[in-house]
């Protein structure tokens, strides 16, 4: 209990030291799919690209994002709301400033080409979902940052495509039979108006 109190006090005082107010653009890629691949890509590397525009005021972030994974006929559009928590540490007498950003994103998943999730085999389909993000951002300068982001997305498109015909959760976390798929992104952030 005492440790929790110390952490809470440290976070309270760190809020007075730093607050973010800026606009940023970022791009990133899914680390695993871009290097090793995954089961849906037959374990072959494939580009999964993420683009994002963010506005931050008083540590509250509003973002608009787009993800494309052409190998899987997958596009995702998001609008997110997050909160910046500033964390500080020391490494070799140098202060390391890390920003922890949890966020929630209403999401529209589009499947296209020959995916077959629509009424017919060649028809496009769209699916609504709600994802969670947990990001760690390190500012390299006043205008450049690097970010690691974990995205947990309930894949309503997979549930619509396969329904009860096959076990689409494969032992993964799920909500009412909708599998929750995690993605790990490395993002490069360009900050303006800081």
N, C-alpha and C. Protein backbone atom coordinates (compact mmCIF):
# COMPACT_ATOMS: atom_id res chain seq x y z
N UNK A 1 0.82 -1.19 0.00
CA UNK A 1 0.00 0.00 0.00
C UNK A 1 0.87 1.26 0.00
N UNK A 2 1.95 1.19 0.76
CA UNK A 2 2.84 2.35 0.84
C UNK A 2 3.47 2.65 -0.53
N UNK A 3 3.84 1.59 -1.26
CA UNK A 3 4.43 1.78 -2.59
C UNK A 3 3.43 2.44 -3.54
N UNK A 4 2.18 2.04 -3.45
CA UNK A 4 1.15 2.65 -4.30
C UNK A 4 0.98 4.13 -3.99
N UNK A 5 1.05 4.47 -2.71
CA UNK A 5 0.95 5.89 -2.32
C UNK A 5 2.12 6.69 -2.87
N UNK A 6 3.32 6.13 -2.80
CA UNK A 6 4.51 6.83 -3.31
C UNK A 6 4.40 7.02 -4.82
N UNK A 7 3.95 5.99 -5.53
CA UNK A 7 3.77 6.10 -6.98
C UNK A 7 2.73 7.16 -7.31
N UNK A 8 1.60 7.16 -6.59
CA UNK A 8 0.54 8.15 -6.84
C UNK A 8 1.05 9.57 -6.60
N UNK A 9 1.81 9.77 -5.54
CA UNK A 9 2.35 11.10 -5.24
C UNK A 9 3.35 11.52 -6.32
N UNK A 10 4.20 10.59 -6.75
CA UNK A 10 5.18 10.90 -7.80
C UNK A 10 4.48 11.28 -9.10
N UNK A 11 3.43 10.56 -9.45
CA UNK A 11 2.68 10.89 -10.67
C UNK A 11 1.99 12.24 -10.54
N UNK A 12 1.47 12.54 -9.35
CA UNK A 12 0.81 13.83 -9.13
C UNK A 12 1.79 14.98 -9.33
N UNK A 13 2.98 14.85 -8.74
CA UNK A 13 3.97 15.93 -8.87
C UNK A 13 4.54 16.01 -10.28
N UNK A 14 4.64 14.87 -10.98
CA UNK A 14 5.16 14.91 -12.35
C UNK A 14 4.18 15.61 -13.28
N UNK A 15 2.90 15.62 -12.96
CA UNK A 15 1.91 16.30 -13.80
C UNK A 15 2.13 17.80 -13.78
N UNK A 16 2.63 18.33 -12.67
CA UNK A 16 2.91 19.76 -12.61
C UNK A 16 4.15 20.14 -13.38
N UNK A 17 5.02 19.18 -13.64
CA UNK A 17 6.29 19.47 -14.30
C UNK A 17 6.16 19.52 -15.82
N UNK A 18 5.30 18.72 -16.39
CA UNK A 18 5.22 18.65 -17.85
C UNK A 18 3.78 18.46 -18.28
N UNK A 19 3.41 19.19 -19.31
CA UNK A 19 2.13 19.00 -19.97
C UNK A 19 2.35 19.14 -21.45
N UNK A 20 1.71 18.28 -22.21
CA UNK A 20 1.88 18.31 -23.65
C UNK A 20 0.79 19.12 -24.31
N UNK A 21 1.19 19.96 -25.27
CA UNK A 21 0.29 20.73 -26.13
C UNK A 21 0.95 20.81 -27.50
N UNK A 22 0.48 20.02 -28.45
CA UNK A 22 1.08 20.04 -29.78
C UNK A 22 0.20 19.30 -30.79
N UNK A 23 0.62 19.37 -32.04
CA UNK A 23 0.03 18.62 -33.15
C UNK A 23 1.12 17.71 -33.67
N UNK A 24 0.77 16.49 -34.07
CA UNK A 24 1.80 15.58 -34.58
C UNK A 24 1.26 14.71 -35.71
N UNK A 25 2.19 14.25 -36.52
CA UNK A 25 1.93 13.27 -37.56
C UNK A 25 2.84 12.08 -37.29
N UNK A 26 2.34 10.88 -37.48
CA UNK A 26 3.19 9.72 -37.24
C UNK A 26 2.91 8.63 -38.27
N UNK A 27 3.91 7.80 -38.47
CA UNK A 27 3.75 6.61 -39.30
C UNK A 27 4.50 5.49 -38.61
N UNK A 28 4.02 4.29 -38.82
CA UNK A 28 4.65 3.16 -38.17
C UNK A 28 4.32 1.87 -38.88
N UNK A 29 4.85 0.79 -38.35
CA UNK A 29 4.63 -0.52 -38.95
C UNK A 29 4.50 -1.56 -37.84
N UNK A 30 3.77 -2.64 -38.16
CA UNK A 30 3.62 -3.75 -37.23
C UNK A 30 4.93 -4.51 -37.22
N UNK A 31 5.55 -4.58 -36.08
CA UNK A 31 6.89 -5.14 -35.96
C UNK A 31 6.93 -6.62 -36.38
N UNK A 32 6.02 -7.43 -35.88
CA UNK A 32 6.05 -8.87 -36.17
C UNK A 32 5.74 -9.16 -37.63
N UNK A 33 4.64 -8.59 -38.15
CA UNK A 33 4.27 -8.89 -39.53
C UNK A 33 5.28 -8.36 -40.54
N UNK A 34 5.94 -7.26 -40.23
CA UNK A 34 6.91 -6.69 -41.16
C UNK A 34 8.25 -7.43 -41.17
N UNK A 35 8.53 -8.18 -40.12
CA UNK A 35 9.82 -8.88 -40.05
C UNK A 35 9.68 -10.40 -40.18
N UNK A 36 8.77 -11.00 -39.41
CA UNK A 36 8.65 -12.46 -39.39
C UNK A 36 7.40 -12.98 -40.08
N UNK A 37 6.38 -12.14 -40.19
CA UNK A 37 5.11 -12.62 -40.70
C UNK A 37 4.29 -13.24 -39.58
N UNK A 38 3.14 -13.80 -39.94
CA UNK A 38 2.26 -14.43 -38.97
C UNK A 38 1.47 -15.52 -39.69
N UNK A 39 0.65 -16.25 -38.95
CA UNK A 39 -0.12 -17.34 -39.55
C UNK A 39 -0.97 -16.86 -40.74
N UNK A 40 -1.68 -15.71 -40.65
CA UNK A 40 -2.47 -15.27 -41.81
C UNK A 40 -1.63 -14.92 -43.05
N UNK A 41 -0.35 -14.62 -42.87
CA UNK A 41 0.52 -14.30 -44.02
C UNK A 41 1.41 -15.48 -44.38
N UNK A 42 1.07 -16.66 -43.89
CA UNK A 42 1.87 -17.88 -44.11
C UNK A 42 3.30 -17.70 -43.61
N UNK A 43 3.45 -17.00 -42.50
CA UNK A 43 4.75 -16.73 -41.87
C UNK A 43 5.75 -16.07 -42.81
N UNK A 44 5.23 -15.24 -43.72
CA UNK A 44 6.08 -14.46 -44.62
C UNK A 44 5.90 -12.98 -44.27
N UNK A 45 6.99 -12.23 -44.31
CA UNK A 45 6.94 -10.80 -43.97
C UNK A 45 6.00 -10.06 -44.92
N UNK A 46 5.19 -9.17 -44.36
CA UNK A 46 4.26 -8.35 -45.15
C UNK A 46 4.08 -7.02 -44.44
N UNK A 47 4.02 -5.95 -45.20
CA UNK A 47 3.92 -4.61 -44.62
C UNK A 47 2.52 -4.34 -44.07
N UNK A 48 2.46 -3.96 -42.81
CA UNK A 48 1.24 -3.52 -42.14
C UNK A 48 1.53 -2.10 -41.68
N UNK A 49 1.02 -1.10 -42.39
CA UNK A 49 1.40 0.30 -42.21
C UNK A 49 0.32 1.06 -41.45
N UNK A 50 0.75 1.95 -40.53
CA UNK A 50 -0.15 2.78 -39.74
C UNK A 50 0.22 4.24 -39.93
N UNK A 51 -0.78 5.09 -40.22
CA UNK A 51 -0.60 6.54 -40.33
C UNK A 51 -1.54 7.19 -39.33
N UNK A 52 -1.07 8.29 -38.69
CA UNK A 52 -1.89 8.91 -37.65
C UNK A 52 -1.64 10.41 -37.56
N UNK A 53 -2.71 11.16 -37.31
CA UNK A 53 -2.65 12.59 -37.03
C UNK A 53 -3.18 12.77 -35.62
N UNK A 54 -2.45 13.54 -34.78
CA UNK A 54 -2.86 13.72 -33.38
C UNK A 54 -2.83 15.18 -32.98
N UNK A 55 -3.77 15.54 -32.12
CA UNK A 55 -3.80 16.86 -31.49
C UNK A 55 -3.78 16.62 -29.98
N UNK A 56 -2.84 17.28 -29.29
CA UNK A 56 -2.69 17.10 -27.85
C UNK A 56 -2.83 18.44 -27.17
N UNK A 57 -3.70 18.51 -26.17
CA UNK A 57 -3.86 19.73 -25.38
C UNK A 57 -4.05 19.33 -23.92
N UNK A 58 -3.21 19.88 -23.05
CA UNK A 58 -3.25 19.57 -21.61
C UNK A 58 -3.22 18.07 -21.36
N UNK A 59 -2.39 17.40 -22.13
CA UNK A 59 -2.15 15.96 -22.02
C UNK A 59 -3.30 15.08 -22.50
N UNK A 60 -4.35 15.65 -23.07
CA UNK A 60 -5.43 14.86 -23.66
C UNK A 60 -5.17 14.80 -25.17
N UNK A 61 -5.14 13.60 -25.70
CA UNK A 61 -4.85 13.41 -27.12
C UNK A 61 -6.10 12.96 -27.87
N UNK A 62 -6.36 13.60 -29.00
CA UNK A 62 -7.39 13.18 -29.95
C UNK A 62 -6.64 12.80 -31.22
N UNK A 63 -6.89 11.61 -31.76
CA UNK A 63 -6.18 11.21 -32.97
C UNK A 63 -7.10 10.60 -34.00
N UNK A 64 -6.66 10.70 -35.24
CA UNK A 64 -7.33 10.07 -36.37
C UNK A 64 -6.30 9.18 -37.04
N UNK A 65 -6.65 7.92 -37.25
CA UNK A 65 -5.66 6.98 -37.79
C UNK A 65 -6.18 6.16 -38.94
N UNK A 66 -5.22 5.64 -39.70
CA UNK A 66 -5.51 4.75 -40.82
C UNK A 66 -4.45 3.65 -40.84
N UNK A 67 -4.90 2.41 -40.91
CA UNK A 67 -3.99 1.27 -41.01
C UNK A 67 -4.33 0.50 -42.27
N UNK A 68 -3.32 0.08 -43.00
CA UNK A 68 -3.54 -0.75 -44.18
C UNK A 68 -2.62 -1.97 -44.14
N UNK A 69 -3.21 -3.11 -44.44
CA UNK A 69 -2.47 -4.37 -44.49
C UNK A 69 -2.87 -5.04 -45.81
N UNK A 70 -2.26 -4.62 -46.93
CA UNK A 70 -2.70 -5.08 -48.26
C UNK A 70 -2.68 -6.59 -48.43
N UNK A 71 -1.73 -7.27 -47.82
CA UNK A 71 -1.63 -8.73 -47.97
C UNK A 71 -2.89 -9.43 -47.50
N UNK A 72 -3.58 -8.85 -46.51
CA UNK A 72 -4.80 -9.47 -45.97
C UNK A 72 -6.08 -8.77 -46.41
N UNK A 73 -5.99 -7.84 -47.38
CA UNK A 73 -7.17 -7.08 -47.83
C UNK A 73 -7.85 -6.40 -46.64
N UNK A 74 -7.07 -5.72 -45.82
CA UNK A 74 -7.53 -5.15 -44.55
C UNK A 74 -7.18 -3.67 -44.48
N UNK A 75 -8.18 -2.84 -44.15
CA UNK A 75 -7.99 -1.42 -43.86
C UNK A 75 -8.72 -1.12 -42.56
N UNK A 76 -8.19 -0.16 -41.81
CA UNK A 76 -8.81 0.20 -40.53
C UNK A 76 -8.77 1.72 -40.38
N UNK A 77 -9.90 2.32 -40.01
CA UNK A 77 -10.01 3.75 -39.75
C UNK A 77 -10.35 3.93 -38.28
N UNK A 78 -9.66 4.87 -37.60
CA UNK A 78 -9.89 5.05 -36.17
C UNK A 78 -9.99 6.52 -35.79
N UNK A 79 -10.71 6.76 -34.71
CA UNK A 79 -10.71 8.05 -34.02
C UNK A 79 -10.47 7.70 -32.56
N UNK A 80 -9.42 8.25 -31.96
CA UNK A 80 -9.06 7.85 -30.62
C UNK A 80 -8.97 8.99 -29.64
N UNK A 81 -9.11 8.65 -28.36
CA UNK A 81 -8.95 9.60 -27.26
C UNK A 81 -8.01 8.94 -26.26
N UNK A 82 -6.95 9.68 -25.89
CA UNK A 82 -5.97 9.14 -24.95
C UNK A 82 -5.52 10.20 -23.96
N UNK A 83 -4.73 9.76 -22.99
CA UNK A 83 -4.22 10.67 -21.97
C UNK A 83 -2.73 10.45 -21.77
N UNK A 84 -1.95 11.52 -21.72
CA UNK A 84 -0.50 11.45 -21.56
C UNK A 84 -0.11 11.48 -20.08
N UNK A 85 0.62 10.47 -19.65
CA UNK A 85 1.19 10.43 -18.30
C UNK A 85 2.70 10.46 -18.45
N UNK A 86 3.34 11.44 -17.83
CA UNK A 86 4.78 11.64 -17.97
C UNK A 86 5.52 10.86 -16.89
N UNK A 87 6.50 10.08 -17.32
CA UNK A 87 7.31 9.27 -16.42
C UNK A 87 8.78 9.66 -16.62
N UNK A 88 9.53 9.70 -15.55
CA UNK A 88 10.94 10.09 -15.62
C UNK A 88 11.80 9.03 -14.96
N UNK A 89 12.97 8.80 -15.55
CA UNK A 89 13.95 7.89 -14.99
C UNK A 89 15.34 8.41 -15.30
N UNK A 90 16.33 7.84 -14.66
CA UNK A 90 17.72 8.24 -14.91
C UNK A 90 18.52 7.04 -15.40
N UNK A 91 19.31 7.27 -16.43
CA UNK A 91 20.18 6.25 -16.98
C UNK A 91 21.52 6.90 -17.28
N UNK A 92 22.56 6.45 -16.58
CA UNK A 92 23.90 7.03 -16.74
C UNK A 92 23.88 8.54 -16.56
N UNK A 93 23.18 9.00 -15.51
CA UNK A 93 23.08 10.42 -15.15
C UNK A 93 22.35 11.26 -16.21
N UNK A 94 21.60 10.61 -17.05
CA UNK A 94 20.79 11.34 -18.05
C UNK A 94 19.32 11.06 -17.76
N UNK A 95 18.53 12.11 -17.71
CA UNK A 95 17.10 11.95 -17.44
C UNK A 95 16.41 11.44 -18.71
N UNK A 96 15.66 10.36 -18.55
CA UNK A 96 14.90 9.78 -19.65
C UNK A 96 13.43 10.12 -19.42
N UNK A 97 12.84 10.84 -20.37
CA UNK A 97 11.43 11.24 -20.29
C UNK A 97 10.62 10.28 -21.16
N UNK A 98 9.73 9.54 -20.54
CA UNK A 98 8.85 8.60 -21.24
C UNK A 98 7.42 9.06 -21.03
N UNK A 99 6.63 9.00 -22.08
CA UNK A 99 5.21 9.35 -21.99
C UNK A 99 4.41 8.07 -22.19
N UNK A 100 3.58 7.72 -21.21
CA UNK A 100 2.68 6.57 -21.29
C UNK A 100 1.33 7.08 -21.76
N UNK A 101 0.80 6.48 -22.85
CA UNK A 101 -0.44 6.98 -23.46
C UNK A 101 -1.44 5.83 -23.62
N UNK A 102 -2.33 5.62 -22.66
CA UNK A 102 -3.44 4.69 -22.89
C UNK A 102 -4.53 5.41 -23.68
N UNK A 103 -5.17 4.70 -24.59
CA UNK A 103 -6.23 5.34 -25.38
C UNK A 103 -7.27 4.31 -25.80
N UNK A 104 -8.41 4.83 -26.19
CA UNK A 104 -9.51 4.01 -26.69
C UNK A 104 -9.87 4.53 -28.08
N UNK A 105 -10.16 3.59 -29.02
CA UNK A 105 -10.40 3.97 -30.40
C UNK A 105 -11.63 3.28 -30.98
N UNK A 106 -12.71 4.02 -31.23
CA UNK A 106 -13.76 3.46 -32.07
C UNK A 106 -13.16 3.19 -33.45
N UNK A 107 -13.45 2.03 -34.01
CA UNK A 107 -12.75 1.55 -35.20
C UNK A 107 -13.72 1.06 -36.26
N UNK A 108 -13.41 1.37 -37.52
CA UNK A 108 -14.13 0.81 -38.67
C UNK A 108 -13.15 -0.06 -39.44
N UNK A 109 -13.43 -1.36 -39.52
CA UNK A 109 -12.59 -2.31 -40.25
C UNK A 109 -13.21 -2.54 -41.62
N UNK A 110 -12.44 -2.37 -42.67
CA UNK A 110 -12.89 -2.66 -44.04
C UNK A 110 -12.13 -3.85 -44.57
N UNK A 111 -12.85 -4.80 -45.17
CA UNK A 111 -12.24 -5.92 -45.87
C UNK A 111 -12.65 -5.81 -47.34
N UNK A 112 -11.74 -6.09 -48.25
CA UNK A 112 -12.02 -5.85 -49.66
C UNK A 112 -11.38 -6.92 -50.54
N UNK A 113 -11.47 -6.72 -51.85
CA UNK A 113 -10.97 -7.64 -52.89
C UNK A 113 -11.60 -9.01 -52.72
N UNK A 114 -10.82 -10.07 -52.66
CA UNK A 114 -11.40 -11.42 -52.64
C UNK A 114 -11.52 -11.99 -51.23
N UNK A 115 -11.59 -11.11 -50.24
CA UNK A 115 -11.70 -11.60 -48.87
C UNK A 115 -13.00 -12.37 -48.65
N UNK A 116 -14.11 -11.88 -49.21
CA UNK A 116 -15.36 -12.63 -49.17
C UNK A 116 -16.20 -12.46 -47.93
N UNK A 117 -16.01 -11.39 -47.17
CA UNK A 117 -16.78 -11.21 -45.94
C UNK A 117 -18.11 -10.52 -46.16
N UNK A 118 -18.38 -10.07 -47.39
CA UNK A 118 -19.64 -9.41 -47.68
C UNK A 118 -20.71 -10.44 -48.03
N UNK A 119 -21.71 -10.00 -48.76
CA UNK A 119 -22.79 -10.92 -49.14
C UNK A 119 -22.28 -11.96 -50.12
N UNK A 120 -21.42 -11.55 -51.03
CA UNK A 120 -20.84 -12.47 -52.01
C UNK A 120 -19.34 -12.55 -51.85
N UNK A 121 -18.72 -13.43 -52.61
CA UNK A 121 -17.29 -13.68 -52.47
C UNK A 121 -16.44 -12.46 -52.77
N UNK A 122 -16.82 -11.65 -53.75
CA UNK A 122 -16.01 -10.50 -54.14
C UNK A 122 -16.53 -9.18 -53.60
N UNK A 123 -17.42 -9.19 -52.65
CA UNK A 123 -17.97 -7.94 -52.14
C UNK A 123 -17.21 -7.47 -50.90
N UNK A 124 -17.09 -6.16 -50.79
CA UNK A 124 -16.44 -5.57 -49.62
C UNK A 124 -17.35 -5.66 -48.41
N UNK A 125 -16.76 -5.56 -47.23
CA UNK A 125 -17.55 -5.55 -46.01
C UNK A 125 -16.91 -4.61 -45.00
N UNK A 126 -17.74 -4.02 -44.14
CA UNK A 126 -17.27 -3.10 -43.11
C UNK A 126 -17.79 -3.56 -41.75
N UNK A 127 -16.97 -3.37 -40.73
CA UNK A 127 -17.30 -3.87 -39.40
C UNK A 127 -16.87 -2.85 -38.35
N UNK A 128 -17.72 -2.58 -37.37
CA UNK A 128 -17.39 -1.67 -36.27
C UNK A 128 -16.76 -2.43 -35.11
N UNK A 129 -15.83 -1.78 -34.43
CA UNK A 129 -15.19 -2.39 -33.27
C UNK A 129 -14.69 -1.28 -32.35
N UNK A 130 -14.15 -1.65 -31.22
CA UNK A 130 -13.62 -0.69 -30.24
C UNK A 130 -12.30 -1.23 -29.72
N UNK A 131 -11.20 -0.55 -30.04
CA UNK A 131 -9.89 -1.06 -29.66
C UNK A 131 -9.27 -0.26 -28.52
N UNK A 132 -8.30 -0.87 -27.86
CA UNK A 132 -7.53 -0.22 -26.80
C UNK A 132 -6.07 -0.16 -27.23
N UNK A 133 -5.42 0.96 -26.92
CA UNK A 133 -4.00 1.14 -27.21
C UNK A 133 -3.26 1.46 -25.93
N UNK A 134 -2.05 0.96 -25.85
CA UNK A 134 -1.13 1.32 -24.78
C UNK A 134 0.19 1.67 -25.45
N UNK A 135 0.62 2.93 -25.30
CA UNK A 135 1.82 3.39 -26.00
C UNK A 135 2.84 3.95 -25.03
N UNK A 136 4.11 3.79 -25.39
CA UNK A 136 5.23 4.40 -24.69
C UNK A 136 5.98 5.24 -25.71
N UNK A 137 6.13 6.53 -25.43
CA UNK A 137 6.77 7.46 -26.37
C UNK A 137 8.01 8.06 -25.73
N UNK A 138 9.09 8.11 -26.52
CA UNK A 138 10.34 8.72 -26.09
C UNK A 138 10.66 9.86 -27.04
N UNK A 139 10.79 11.08 -26.51
CA UNK A 139 11.11 12.25 -27.33
C UNK A 139 12.61 12.29 -27.56
N UNK A 140 13.02 12.22 -28.83
CA UNK A 140 14.43 12.31 -29.17
C UNK A 140 14.88 13.76 -29.29
N UNK A 141 13.93 14.64 -29.65
CA UNK A 141 14.19 16.08 -29.73
C UNK A 141 12.84 16.78 -29.53
N UNK A 142 12.81 18.10 -29.73
CA UNK A 142 11.54 18.82 -29.60
C UNK A 142 10.55 18.47 -30.70
N UNK A 143 11.05 17.93 -31.82
CA UNK A 143 10.15 17.67 -32.95
C UNK A 143 10.11 16.20 -33.39
N UNK A 144 10.94 15.34 -32.83
CA UNK A 144 10.98 13.94 -33.24
C UNK A 144 10.82 13.04 -32.02
N UNK A 145 9.99 11.99 -32.17
CA UNK A 145 9.81 11.01 -31.10
C UNK A 145 9.69 9.62 -31.71
N UNK A 146 9.98 8.62 -30.89
CA UNK A 146 9.80 7.22 -31.26
C UNK A 146 8.79 6.64 -30.29
N UNK A 147 7.90 5.78 -30.81
CA UNK A 147 6.83 5.25 -29.96
C UNK A 147 6.66 3.77 -30.20
N UNK A 148 6.45 3.03 -29.11
CA UNK A 148 6.01 1.64 -29.17
C UNK A 148 4.54 1.63 -28.79
N UNK A 149 3.71 0.99 -29.60
CA UNK A 149 2.28 0.97 -29.33
C UNK A 149 1.74 -0.45 -29.44
N UNK A 150 1.00 -0.88 -28.42
CA UNK A 150 0.30 -2.16 -28.45
C UNK A 150 -1.18 -1.88 -28.66
N UNK A 151 -1.77 -2.51 -29.67
CA UNK A 151 -3.17 -2.31 -30.01
C UNK A 151 -3.92 -3.62 -29.82
N UNK A 152 -4.97 -3.61 -29.00
CA UNK A 152 -5.83 -4.78 -28.79
C UNK A 152 -7.16 -4.51 -29.48
N UNK A 153 -7.42 -5.25 -30.56
CA UNK A 153 -8.59 -5.00 -31.41
C UNK A 153 -9.50 -6.21 -31.46
N UNK A 154 -10.75 -6.10 -30.97
CA UNK A 154 -11.73 -7.17 -31.18
C UNK A 154 -12.05 -7.26 -32.68
N UNK A 155 -11.77 -8.40 -33.29
CA UNK A 155 -11.88 -8.55 -34.74
C UNK A 155 -13.27 -9.01 -35.14
N UNK A 156 -14.18 -8.05 -35.20
CA UNK A 156 -15.56 -8.34 -35.59
C UNK A 156 -15.64 -8.83 -37.03
N UNK A 157 -14.66 -8.48 -37.86
CA UNK A 157 -14.64 -8.96 -39.24
C UNK A 157 -14.44 -10.48 -39.30
N UNK A 158 -13.59 -11.01 -38.43
CA UNK A 158 -13.37 -12.46 -38.40
C UNK A 158 -14.60 -13.19 -37.89
N UNK A 159 -15.26 -12.62 -36.89
CA UNK A 159 -16.49 -13.21 -36.37
C UNK A 159 -17.57 -13.24 -37.45
N UNK A 160 -17.69 -12.14 -38.23
CA UNK A 160 -18.69 -12.10 -39.30
C UNK A 160 -18.37 -13.10 -40.40
N UNK A 161 -17.10 -13.26 -40.72
CA UNK A 161 -16.69 -14.15 -41.81
C UNK A 161 -16.88 -15.62 -41.44
N UNK A 162 -16.41 -16.00 -40.25
CA UNK A 162 -16.38 -17.41 -39.90
C UNK A 162 -17.50 -17.84 -38.97
N UNK A 163 -18.09 -16.90 -38.23
CA UNK A 163 -19.20 -17.22 -37.34
C UNK A 163 -18.90 -18.38 -36.43
N UNK A 164 -19.82 -19.34 -36.38
CA UNK A 164 -19.65 -20.51 -35.52
C UNK A 164 -19.06 -21.70 -36.27
N UNK A 165 -18.73 -21.51 -37.56
CA UNK A 165 -18.25 -22.62 -38.37
C UNK A 165 -16.87 -23.13 -37.97
N UNK A 166 -16.04 -22.25 -37.38
CA UNK A 166 -14.72 -22.69 -36.95
C UNK A 166 -14.33 -21.94 -35.69
N UNK A 167 -13.40 -22.48 -34.96
CA UNK A 167 -12.94 -21.86 -33.73
C UNK A 167 -11.96 -20.74 -34.07
N UNK A 168 -12.48 -19.52 -34.23
CA UNK A 168 -11.62 -18.41 -34.65
C UNK A 168 -10.82 -17.83 -33.50
N UNK A 169 -11.17 -18.18 -32.27
CA UNK A 169 -10.41 -17.62 -31.15
C UNK A 169 -9.11 -18.38 -30.92
N UNK A 170 -9.06 -19.65 -31.28
CA UNK A 170 -7.84 -20.47 -31.14
C UNK A 170 -7.15 -20.27 -29.80
N UNK A 171 -7.91 -20.25 -28.73
CA UNK A 171 -7.34 -20.09 -27.40
C UNK A 171 -6.95 -18.67 -27.04
N UNK A 172 -7.23 -17.70 -27.92
CA UNK A 172 -6.90 -16.30 -27.63
C UNK A 172 -8.01 -15.67 -26.80
N UNK A 173 -7.71 -14.52 -26.24
CA UNK A 173 -8.74 -13.78 -25.50
C UNK A 173 -9.86 -13.41 -26.45
N UNK A 174 -11.09 -13.43 -25.95
CA UNK A 174 -12.22 -13.09 -26.80
C UNK A 174 -13.34 -12.48 -25.96
N UNK A 175 -14.23 -11.78 -26.65
CA UNK A 175 -15.42 -11.22 -26.04
C UNK A 175 -16.60 -11.75 -26.82
N UNK A 176 -17.44 -12.56 -26.20
CA UNK A 176 -18.60 -13.16 -26.85
C UNK A 176 -18.22 -13.85 -28.16
N UNK A 177 -17.11 -14.55 -28.18
CA UNK A 177 -16.67 -15.27 -29.37
C UNK A 177 -15.95 -14.42 -30.40
N UNK A 178 -15.79 -13.13 -30.14
CA UNK A 178 -15.04 -12.25 -31.04
C UNK A 178 -13.59 -12.22 -30.57
N UNK A 179 -12.65 -12.72 -31.40
CA UNK A 179 -11.25 -12.77 -30.95
C UNK A 179 -10.64 -11.38 -30.80
N UNK A 180 -9.82 -11.20 -29.78
CA UNK A 180 -9.10 -9.95 -29.58
C UNK A 180 -7.67 -10.18 -30.07
N UNK A 181 -7.29 -9.49 -31.12
CA UNK A 181 -5.98 -9.66 -31.74
C UNK A 181 -5.08 -8.49 -31.36
N UNK A 182 -3.89 -8.77 -30.91
CA UNK A 182 -2.93 -7.74 -30.53
C UNK A 182 -1.93 -7.46 -31.64
N UNK A 183 -1.57 -6.20 -31.80
CA UNK A 183 -0.56 -5.78 -32.77
C UNK A 183 0.46 -4.90 -32.06
N UNK A 184 1.72 -5.05 -32.44
CA UNK A 184 2.81 -4.27 -31.86
C UNK A 184 3.38 -3.36 -32.93
N UNK A 185 3.22 -2.05 -32.75
CA UNK A 185 3.69 -1.08 -33.74
C UNK A 185 4.88 -0.29 -33.22
N UNK A 186 5.82 -0.03 -34.11
CA UNK A 186 6.88 0.94 -33.88
C UNK A 186 6.52 2.16 -34.72
N UNK A 187 6.42 3.32 -34.08
CA UNK A 187 6.00 4.54 -34.78
C UNK A 187 7.07 5.62 -34.68
N UNK A 188 7.14 6.42 -35.74
CA UNK A 188 8.01 7.58 -35.78
C UNK A 188 7.11 8.80 -35.82
N UNK A 189 7.29 9.71 -34.87
CA UNK A 189 6.38 10.83 -34.65
C UNK A 189 7.09 12.14 -34.98
N UNK A 190 6.42 12.97 -35.79
CA UNK A 190 6.92 14.32 -36.08
C UNK A 190 6.00 15.30 -35.36
N UNK A 191 6.55 16.11 -34.46
CA UNK A 191 5.78 17.01 -33.60
C UNK A 191 5.94 18.44 -34.10
N UNK A 192 4.81 19.16 -34.24
CA UNK A 192 4.86 20.58 -34.60
C UNK A 192 4.06 21.38 -33.58
N UNK A 193 4.30 22.68 -33.54
CA UNK A 193 3.60 23.60 -32.62
C UNK A 193 3.82 23.26 -31.16
N UNK A 194 5.01 22.83 -30.80
CA UNK A 194 5.28 22.52 -29.39
C UNK A 194 5.62 23.77 -28.65
